[in-house]
All heavy atoms as atom14 arrays in JSON, in Angstrom:
{
  "sequence": "WDTDLIDHLGVDSLESIDLMNAIEEEFQVNPSLNEANSK",
  "atom14_mask": [
    [1, 1, 1, 1, 1, 1, 1, 1, 1, 1, 1, 1, 1, 1],
    [1, 1, 1, 1, 1, 1, 1, 1, 0, 0, 0, 0, 0, 0],
    [1, 1, 1, 1, 1, 1, 1, 0, 0, 0, 0, 0, 0, 0],
    [1, 1, 1, 1, 1, 1, 1, 1, 0, 0, 0, 0, 0, 0],
    [1, 1, 1, 1, 1, 1, 1, 1, 0, 0, 0, 0, 0, 0],
    [1, 1, 1, 1, 1, 1, 1, 1, 0, 0, 0, 0, 0, 0],
    [1, 1, 1, 1, 1, 1, 1, 1, 0, 0, 0, 0, 0, 0],
    [1, 1, 1, 1, 1, 1, 1, 1, 1, 1, 0, 0, 0, 0],
    [1, 1, 1, 1, 1, 1, 1, 1, 0, 0, 0, 0, 0, 0],
    [1, 1, 1, 1, 0, 0, 0, 0, 0, 0, 0, 0, 0, 0],
    [1, 1, 1, 1, 1, 1, 1, 0, 0, 0, 0, 0, 0, 0],
    [1, 1, 1, 1, 1, 1, 1, 1, 0, 0, 0, 0, 0, 0],
    [1, 1, 1, 1, 1, 1, 0, 0, 0, 0, 0, 0, 0, 0],
    [1, 1, 1, 1, 1, 1, 1, 1, 0, 0, 0, 0, 0, 0],
    [1, 1, 1, 1, 1, 1, 1, 1, 1, 0, 0, 0, 0, 0],
    [1, 1, 1, 1, 1, 1, 0, 0, 0, 0, 0, 0, 0, 0],
    [1, 1, 1, 1, 1, 1, 1, 1, 0, 0, 0, 0, 0, 0],
    [1, 1, 1, 1, 1, 1, 1, 1, 0, 0, 0, 0, 0, 0],
    [1, 1, 1, 1, 1, 1, 1, 1, 0, 0, 0, 0, 0, 0],
    [1, 1, 1, 1, 1, 1, 1, 1, 0, 0, 0, 0, 0, 0],
    [1, 1, 1, 1, 1, 1, 1, 1, 0, 0, 0, 0, 0, 0],
    [1, 1, 1, 1, 1, 0, 0, 0, 0, 0, 0, 0, 0, 0],
    [1, 1, 1, 1, 1, 1, 1, 1, 0, 0, 0, 0, 0, 0],
    [1, 1, 1, 1, 1, 1, 1, 1, 1, 0, 0, 0, 0, 0],
    [1, 1, 1, 1, 1, 1, 1, 1, 1, 0, 0, 0, 0, 0],
    [1, 1, 1, 1, 1, 1, 1, 1, 1, 0, 0, 0, 0, 0],
    [1, 1, 1, 1, 1, 1, 1, 1, 1, 1, 1, 0, 0, 0],
    [1, 1, 1, 1, 1, 1, 1, 1, 1, 0, 0, 0, 0, 0],
    [1, 1, 1, 1, 1, 1, 1, 0, 0, 0, 0, 0, 0, 0],
    [1, 1, 1, 1, 1, 1, 1, 1, 0, 0, 0, 0, 0, 0],
    [1, 1, 1, 1, 1, 1, 1, 0, 0, 0, 0, 0, 0, 0],
    [1, 1, 1, 1, 1, 1, 0, 0, 0, 0, 0, 0, 0, 0],
    [1, 1, 1, 1, 1, 1, 1, 1, 0, 0, 0, 0, 0, 0],
    [1, 1, 1, 1, 1, 1, 1, 1, 0, 0, 0, 0, 0, 0],
    [1, 1, 1, 1, 1, 1, 1, 1, 1, 0, 0, 0, 0, 0],
    [1, 1, 1, 1, 1, 0, 0, 0, 0, 0, 0, 0, 0, 0],
    [1, 1, 1, 1, 1, 1, 1, 1, 0, 0, 0, 0, 0, 0],
    [1, 1, 1, 1, 1, 1, 0, 0, 0, 0, 0, 0, 0, 0],
    [1, 1, 1, 1, 1, 1, 1, 1, 1, 0, 0, 0, 0, 0]
  ],
  "atom14_positions": [
    [[-103.53, 9.64, 115.25], [-103.8, 8.37, 115.93], [-105.28, 8.0, 115.9], [-105.63, 6.82, 115.88], [-103.31, 8.43, 117.37], [-101.82, 8.48, 117.48], [-101.04, 9.6, 117.6], [-100.92, 7.37, 117.43], [-99.71, 9.24, 117.64], [-99.61, 7.88, 117.54], [-101.09, 5.99, 117.31], [-98.48, 7.07, 117.54], [-99.96, 5.19, 117.32], [-98.68, 5.72, 117.43]],
    [[-106.17, 8.99, 115.89], [-107.62, 8.72, 115.96], [-108.29, 8.67, 114.59], [-109.5, 8.49, 114.51], [-108.31, 9.79, 116.82], [-107.83, 9.76, 118.25], [-107.61, 8.65, 118.78], [-107.64, 10.84, 118.84], [0.0, 0.0, 0.0], [0.0, 0.0, 0.0], [0.0, 0.0, 0.0], [0.0, 0.0, 0.0], [0.0, 0.0, 0.0], [0.0, 0.0, 0.0]],
    [[-107.53, 8.84, 113.53], [-108.1, 8.83, 112.18], [-108.78, 7.49, 111.91], [-108.2, 6.43, 112.11], [-107.01, 9.09, 111.13], [-106.44, 10.37, 111.38], [-107.58, 9.05, 109.72], [0.0, 0.0, 0.0], [0.0, 0.0, 0.0], [0.0, 0.0, 0.0], [0.0, 0.0, 0.0], [0.0, 0.0, 0.0], [0.0, 0.0, 0.0], [0.0, 0.0, 0.0]],
    [[-110.03, 7.57, 111.46], [-110.81, 6.39, 111.09], [-110.7, 6.22, 109.58], [-110.99, 7.16, 108.83], [-112.27, 6.59, 111.52], [-113.13, 5.37, 111.27], [-113.33, 5.0, 110.09], [-113.62, 4.79, 112.25], [0.0, 0.0, 0.0], [0.0, 0.0, 0.0], [0.0, 0.0, 0.0], [0.0, 0.0, 0.0], [0.0, 0.0, 0.0], [0.0, 0.0, 0.0]],
    [[-110.27, 5.05, 109.15], [-110.04, 4.83, 107.72], [-111.3, 5.05, 106.89], [-111.22, 5.59, 105.78], [-109.52, 3.42, 107.48], [-108.16, 3.07, 108.09], [-107.75, 1.67, 107.68], [-107.1, 4.06, 107.69], [0.0, 0.0, 0.0], [0.0, 0.0, 0.0], [0.0, 0.0, 0.0], [0.0, 0.0, 0.0], [0.0, 0.0, 0.0], [0.0, 0.0, 0.0]],
    [[-112.43, 4.62, 107.39], [-113.67, 4.72, 106.62], [-114.29, 6.11, 106.76], [-114.56, 6.77, 105.76], [-114.65, 3.62, 107.04], [-114.05, 2.25, 106.72], [-116.01, 3.8, 106.35], [-114.77, 1.07, 107.32], [0.0, 0.0, 0.0], [0.0, 0.0, 0.0], [0.0, 0.0, 0.0], [0.0, 0.0, 0.0], [0.0, 0.0, 0.0], [0.0, 0.0, 0.0]],
    [[-114.49, 6.55, 108.0], [-115.16, 7.83, 108.23], [-114.34, 9.04, 107.8], [-114.87, 9.99, 107.23], [-115.54, 7.99, 109.7], [-116.61, 7.0, 110.13], [-117.29, 6.42, 109.26], [-116.76, 6.79, 111.35], [0.0, 0.0, 0.0], [0.0, 0.0, 0.0], [0.0, 0.0, 0.0], [0.0, 0.0, 0.0], [0.0, 0.0, 0.0], [0.0, 0.0, 0.0]],
    [[-113.03, 9.04, 108.07], [-112.2, 10.21, 107.79], [-111.5, 10.15, 106.44], [-111.27, 11.19, 105.82], [-111.15, 10.4, 108.89], [-111.75, 10.6, 110.24], [-111.22, 10.03, 111.37], [-112.86, 11.27, 110.64], [-111.95, 10.36, 112.42], [-112.96, 11.11, 112.0], [0.0, 0.0, 0.0], [0.0, 0.0, 0.0], [0.0, 0.0, 0.0], [0.0, 0.0, 0.0]],
    [[-111.12, 8.95, 106.01], [-110.34, 8.83, 104.77], [-111.14, 8.23, 103.62], [-110.65, 8.18, 102.49], [-109.08, 8.0, 105.01], [-108.12, 8.53, 106.07], [-106.93, 7.6, 106.23], [-107.67, 9.94, 105.75], [0.0, 0.0, 0.0], [0.0, 0.0, 0.0], [0.0, 0.0, 0.0], [0.0, 0.0, 0.0], [0.0, 0.0, 0.0], [0.0, 0.0, 0.0]],
    [[-112.34, 7.74, 103.88], [-113.18, 7.19, 102.83], [-112.65, 5.92, 102.2], [-112.9, 5.65, 101.02], [0.0, 0.0, 0.0], [0.0, 0.0, 0.0], [0.0, 0.0, 0.0], [0.0, 0.0, 0.0], [0.0, 0.0, 0.0], [0.0, 0.0, 0.0], [0.0, 0.0, 0.0], [0.0, 0.0, 0.0], [0.0, 0.0, 0.0], [0.0, 0.0, 0.0]],
    [[-111.91, 5.12, 102.97], [-111.35, 3.87, 102.43], [-112.49, 2.91, 102.12], [-113.35, 2.65, 102.96], [-110.36, 3.24, 103.44], [-109.92, 1.86, 103.0], [-109.15, 4.16, 103.62], [0.0, 0.0, 0.0], [0.0, 0.0, 0.0], [0.0, 0.0, 0.0], [0.0, 0.0, 0.0], [0.0, 0.0, 0.0], [0.0, 0.0, 0.0], [0.0, 0.0, 0.0]],
    [[-112.51, 2.41, 100.88], [-113.53, 1.44, 100.48], [-112.96, 0.03, 100.57], [-111.8, -0.16, 100.95], [-114.08, 1.75, 99.09], [-113.02, 1.69, 97.99], [-111.99, 1.0, 98.16], [-113.22, 2.33, 96.95], [0.0, 0.0, 0.0], [0.0, 0.0, 0.0], [0.0, 0.0, 0.0], [0.0, 0.0, 0.0], [0.0, 0.0, 0.0], [0.0, 0.0, 0.0]],
    [[-113.76, -0.96, 100.21], [-113.33, -2.35, 100.38], [-112.11, -2.69, 99.5], [-111.22, -3.42, 99.94], [-114.48, -3.31, 100.09], [-114.98, -3.11, 98.79], [0.0, 0.0, 0.0], [0.0, 0.0, 0.0], [0.0, 0.0, 0.0], [0.0, 0.0, 0.0], [0.0, 0.0, 0.0], [0.0, 0.0, 0.0], [0.0, 0.0, 0.0], [0.0, 0.0, 0.0]],
    [[-112.05, -2.16, 98.3], [-110.9, -2.43, 97.43], [-109.64, -1.78, 98.0], [-108.57, -2.4, 98.04], [-111.17, -1.9, 96.01], [-110.08, -2.18, 94.98], [-109.82, -3.68, 94.86], [-110.48, -1.61, 93.64], [0.0, 0.0, 0.0], [0.0, 0.0, 0.0], [0.0, 0.0, 0.0], [0.0, 0.0, 0.0], [0.0, 0.0, 0.0], [0.0, 0.0, 0.0]],
    [[-109.76, -0.54, 98.47], [-108.61, 0.13, 99.06], [-108.15, -0.56, 100.34], [-106.96, -0.58, 100.64], [-108.93, 1.6, 99.36], [-108.98, 2.46, 98.11], [-109.42, 3.88, 98.39], [-110.33, 4.08, 99.22], [-108.85, 4.79, 97.77], [0.0, 0.0, 0.0], [0.0, 0.0, 0.0], [0.0, 0.0, 0.0], [0.0, 0.0, 0.0], [0.0, 0.0, 0.0]],
    [[-109.09, -1.14, 101.09], [-108.69, -1.83, 102.32], [-107.84, -3.06, 102.0], [-106.89, -3.37, 102.71], [-109.9, -2.19, 103.2], [-110.68, -3.18, 102.59], [0.0, 0.0, 0.0], [0.0, 0.0, 0.0], [0.0, 0.0, 0.0], [0.0, 0.0, 0.0], [0.0, 0.0, 0.0], [0.0, 0.0, 0.0], [0.0, 0.0, 0.0], [0.0, 0.0, 0.0]],
    [[-108.15, -3.75, 100.9], [-107.34, -4.89, 100.48], [-105.96, -4.4, 100.02], [-104.93, -4.98, 100.38], [-108.04, -5.69, 99.38], [-109.27, -6.39, 99.97], [-107.09, -6.71, 98.74], [-110.19, -7.0, 98.95], [0.0, 0.0, 0.0], [0.0, 0.0, 0.0], [0.0, 0.0, 0.0], [0.0, 0.0, 0.0], [0.0, 0.0, 0.0], [0.0, 0.0, 0.0]],
    [[-105.95, -3.3, 99.26], [-104.67, -2.71, 98.84], [-103.84, -2.29, 100.05], [-102.63, -2.49, 100.08], [-104.9, -1.5, 97.93], [-105.44, -1.87, 96.56], [-105.34, -3.06, 96.18], [-105.97, -0.97, 95.87], [0.0, 0.0, 0.0], [0.0, 0.0, 0.0], [0.0, 0.0, 0.0], [0.0, 0.0, 0.0], [0.0, 0.0, 0.0], [0.0, 0.0, 0.0]],
    [[-104.52, -1.72, 101.05], [-103.83, -1.3, 102.26], [-103.24, -2.49, 102.99], [-102.09, -2.44, 103.44], [-104.77, -0.52, 103.17], [-104.2, -0.1, 104.52], [-102.97, 0.8, 104.34], [-105.26, 0.61, 105.35], [0.0, 0.0, 0.0], [0.0, 0.0, 0.0], [0.0, 0.0, 0.0], [0.0, 0.0, 0.0], [0.0, 0.0, 0.0], [0.0, 0.0, 0.0]],
    [[-104.01, -3.56, 103.09], [-103.5, -4.75, 103.76], [-102.27, -5.29, 103.04], [-101.28, -5.65, 103.67], [-104.59, -5.83, 103.84], [-104.22, -6.95, 104.78], [-105.53, -8.11, 105.05], [-105.51, -9.0, 103.52], [0.0, 0.0, 0.0], [0.0, 0.0, 0.0], [0.0, 0.0, 0.0], [0.0, 0.0, 0.0], [0.0, 0.0, 0.0], [0.0, 0.0, 0.0]],
    [[-102.3, -5.3, 101.72], [-101.14, -5.75, 100.94], [-99.94, -4.82, 101.15], [-98.8, -5.28, 101.26], [-101.48, -5.86, 99.46], [-102.43, -7.0, 99.17], [-102.46, -7.98, 99.88], [-103.22, -6.85, 98.12], [0.0, 0.0, 0.0], [0.0, 0.0, 0.0], [0.0, 0.0, 0.0], [0.0, 0.0, 0.0], [0.0, 0.0, 0.0], [0.0, 0.0, 0.0]],
    [[-100.2, -3.52, 101.21], [-99.12, -2.55, 101.43], [-98.52, -2.71, 102.82], [-97.3, -2.62, 102.99], [-99.65, -1.13, 101.23], [0.0, 0.0, 0.0], [0.0, 0.0, 0.0], [0.0, 0.0, 0.0], [0.0, 0.0, 0.0], [0.0, 0.0, 0.0], [0.0, 0.0, 0.0], [0.0, 0.0, 0.0], [0.0, 0.0, 0.0], [0.0, 0.0, 0.0]],
    [[-99.35, -2.98, 103.82], [-98.87, -3.21, 105.18], [-98.03, -4.48, 105.22], [-96.96, -4.51, 105.83], [-100.05, -3.29, 106.18], [-100.63, -1.89, 106.38], [-99.62, -3.91, 107.51], [-101.93, -1.87, 107.16], [0.0, 0.0, 0.0], [0.0, 0.0, 0.0], [0.0, 0.0, 0.0], [0.0, 0.0, 0.0], [0.0, 0.0, 0.0], [0.0, 0.0, 0.0]],
    [[-98.51, -5.5, 104.55], [-97.77, -6.76, 104.5], [-96.38, -6.53, 103.91], [-95.37, -7.02, 104.43], [-98.55, -7.77, 103.67], [-97.98, -9.16, 103.67], [-98.9, -10.18, 103.0], [-99.96, -9.8, 102.46], [-98.52, -11.36, 103.0], [0.0, 0.0, 0.0], [0.0, 0.0, 0.0], [0.0, 0.0, 0.0], [0.0, 0.0, 0.0], [0.0, 0.0, 0.0]],
    [[-96.31, -5.77, 102.83], [-95.04, -5.5, 102.17], [-94.14, -4.6, 103.01], [-92.95, -4.87, 103.18], [-95.29, -4.86, 100.8], [-94.05, -4.68, 99.97], [-94.38, -4.15, 98.59], [-95.29, -4.69, 97.94], [-93.71, -3.18, 98.18], [0.0, 0.0, 0.0], [0.0, 0.0, 0.0], [0.0, 0.0, 0.0], [0.0, 0.0, 0.0], [0.0, 0.0, 0.0]],
    [[-94.7, -3.53, 103.54], [-93.91, -2.55, 104.31], [-93.35, -3.13, 105.6], [-92.22, -2.88, 105.97], [-94.77, -1.31, 104.62], [-94.11, -0.31, 105.55], [-92.92, 0.43, 104.94], [-92.83, 0.52, 103.7], [-92.09, 0.91, 105.72], [0.0, 0.0, 0.0], [0.0, 0.0, 0.0], [0.0, 0.0, 0.0], [0.0, 0.0, 0.0], [0.0, 0.0, 0.0]],
    [[-94.17, -3.91, 106.31], [-93.78, -4.38, 107.64], [-93.36, -5.86, 107.68], [-93.0, -6.36, 108.73], [-94.92, -4.14, 108.63], [-95.21, -2.67, 108.83], [-96.22, -2.05, 108.12], [-94.46, -1.92, 109.72], [-96.49, -0.7, 108.3], [-94.71, -0.56, 109.89], [-95.73, 0.05, 109.18], [0.0, 0.0, 0.0], [0.0, 0.0, 0.0], [0.0, 0.0, 0.0]],
    [[-93.45, -6.53, 106.53], [-93.08, -7.94, 106.45], [-93.84, -8.79, 107.47], [-93.26, -9.59, 108.21], [-91.56, -8.11, 106.65], [-90.72, -7.37, 105.61], [-90.99, -7.85, 104.19], [-90.85, -9.02, 103.9], [-91.38, -6.95, 103.3], [0.0, 0.0, 0.0], [0.0, 0.0, 0.0], [0.0, 0.0, 0.0], [0.0, 0.0, 0.0], [0.0, 0.0, 0.0]],
    [[-95.17, -8.56, 107.53], [-96.06, -9.33, 108.4], [-97.17, -9.9, 107.54], [-97.37, -9.48, 106.4], [-96.64, -8.46, 109.55], [-95.55, -8.01, 110.51], [-97.41, -7.26, 109.01], [0.0, 0.0, 0.0], [0.0, 0.0, 0.0], [0.0, 0.0, 0.0], [0.0, 0.0, 0.0], [0.0, 0.0, 0.0], [0.0, 0.0, 0.0], [0.0, 0.0, 0.0]],
    [[-97.93, -10.85, 108.11], [-99.02, -11.48, 107.37], [-100.34, -11.24, 108.1], [-100.77, -12.07, 108.9], [-98.77, -12.99, 107.23], [-97.55, -13.27, 106.39], [-97.43, -12.74, 105.3], [-96.66, -14.08, 106.91], [0.0, 0.0, 0.0], [0.0, 0.0, 0.0], [0.0, 0.0, 0.0], [0.0, 0.0, 0.0], [0.0, 0.0, 0.0], [0.0, 0.0, 0.0]],
    [[-100.99, -10.11, 107.81], [-102.25, -9.83, 108.49], [-103.36, -10.79, 108.04], [-103.4, -11.19, 106.88], [-102.57, -8.4, 108.08], [-101.72, -8.09, 106.92], [-100.6, -9.06, 106.9], [0.0, 0.0, 0.0], [0.0, 0.0, 0.0], [0.0, 0.0, 0.0], [0.0, 0.0, 0.0], [0.0, 0.0, 0.0], [0.0, 0.0, 0.0], [0.0, 0.0, 0.0]],
    [[-104.21, -11.14, 108.97], [-105.39, -11.94, 108.67], [-106.46, -11.01, 108.1], [-106.71, -9.94, 108.67], [-105.9, -12.59, 109.96], [-107.28, -12.8, 109.93], [0.0, 0.0, 0.0], [0.0, 0.0, 0.0], [0.0, 0.0, 0.0], [0.0, 0.0, 0.0], [0.0, 0.0, 0.0], [0.0, 0.0, 0.0], [0.0, 0.0, 0.0], [0.0, 0.0, 0.0]],
    [[-107.08, -11.39, 107.0], [-108.1, -10.54, 106.37], [-109.23, -10.22, 107.33], [-109.62, -9.06, 107.47], [-108.64, -11.22, 105.1], [-109.66, -10.43, 104.3], [-109.09, -9.1, 103.85], [-110.12, -11.23, 103.1], [0.0, 0.0, 0.0], [0.0, 0.0, 0.0], [0.0, 0.0, 0.0], [0.0, 0.0, 0.0], [0.0, 0.0, 0.0], [0.0, 0.0, 0.0]],
    [[-109.75, -11.22, 108.04], [-110.83, -10.99, 109.0], [-110.4, -10.05, 110.11], [-111.13, -9.12, 110.48], [-111.34, -12.3, 109.59], [-112.12, -13.11, 108.59], [-112.65, -12.58, 107.61], [-112.18, -14.41, 108.8], [0.0, 0.0, 0.0], [0.0, 0.0, 0.0], [0.0, 0.0, 0.0], [0.0, 0.0, 0.0], [0.0, 0.0, 0.0], [0.0, 0.0, 0.0]],
    [[-109.23, -10.3, 110.66], [-108.73, -9.47, 111.76], [-108.44, -8.05, 111.27], [-108.81, -7.08, 111.92], [-107.47, -10.1, 112.36], [-106.96, -9.42, 113.58], [-107.82, -9.59, 114.81], [-108.6, -10.56, 114.88], [-107.72, -8.73, 115.71], [0.0, 0.0, 0.0], [0.0, 0.0, 0.0], [0.0, 0.0, 0.0], [0.0, 0.0, 0.0], [0.0, 0.0, 0.0]],
    [[-107.8, -7.93, 110.13], [-107.45, -6.61, 109.59], [-108.7, -5.78, 109.3], [-108.71, -4.57, 109.52], [-106.61, -6.77, 108.33], [0.0, 0.0, 0.0], [0.0, 0.0, 0.0], [0.0, 0.0, 0.0], [0.0, 0.0, 0.0], [0.0, 0.0, 0.0], [0.0, 0.0, 0.0], [0.0, 0.0, 0.0], [0.0, 0.0, 0.0], [0.0, 0.0, 0.0]],
    [[-109.75, -6.42, 108.82], [-110.99, -5.7, 108.51], [-111.68, -5.15, 109.74], [-112.51, -4.26, 109.64], [-111.96, -6.58, 107.72], [-111.56, -6.69, 106.27], [-110.88, -5.83, 105.74], [-111.97, -7.76, 105.62], [0.0, 0.0, 0.0], [0.0, 0.0, 0.0], [0.0, 0.0, 0.0], [0.0, 0.0, 0.0], [0.0, 0.0, 0.0], [0.0, 0.0, 0.0]],
    [[-111.34, -5.67, 110.93], [-111.96, -5.17, 112.15], [-111.23, -3.94, 112.7], [-111.69, -3.32, 113.64], [-112.0, -6.27, 113.22], [-110.7, -6.54, 113.7], [0.0, 0.0, 0.0], [0.0, 0.0, 0.0], [0.0, 0.0, 0.0], [0.0, 0.0, 0.0], [0.0, 0.0, 0.0], [0.0, 0.0, 0.0], [0.0, 0.0, 0.0], [0.0, 0.0, 0.0]],
    [[-110.11, -3.59, 112.1], [-109.31, -2.44, 112.55], [-109.66, -1.23, 111.7], [-109.45, -1.24, 110.5], [-107.81, -2.72, 112.44], [-107.35, -4.05, 113.01], [-107.67, -4.19, 114.46], [-107.14, -5.52, 114.99], [-107.8, -5.94, 116.2], [0.0, 0.0, 0.0], [0.0, 0.0, 0.0], [0.0, 0.0, 0.0], [0.0, 0.0, 0.0], [0.0, 0.0, 0.0]]
  ]
}
């Protein structure tokens, strides 16, 4: 639950976009890029 995407997993900006797309597909939701980047 406390895993930080950047500090613990090393997610970069390209991977964060891929992650947002994967979340959109998996959960059938439409995340806002600005909002998603703050998480």
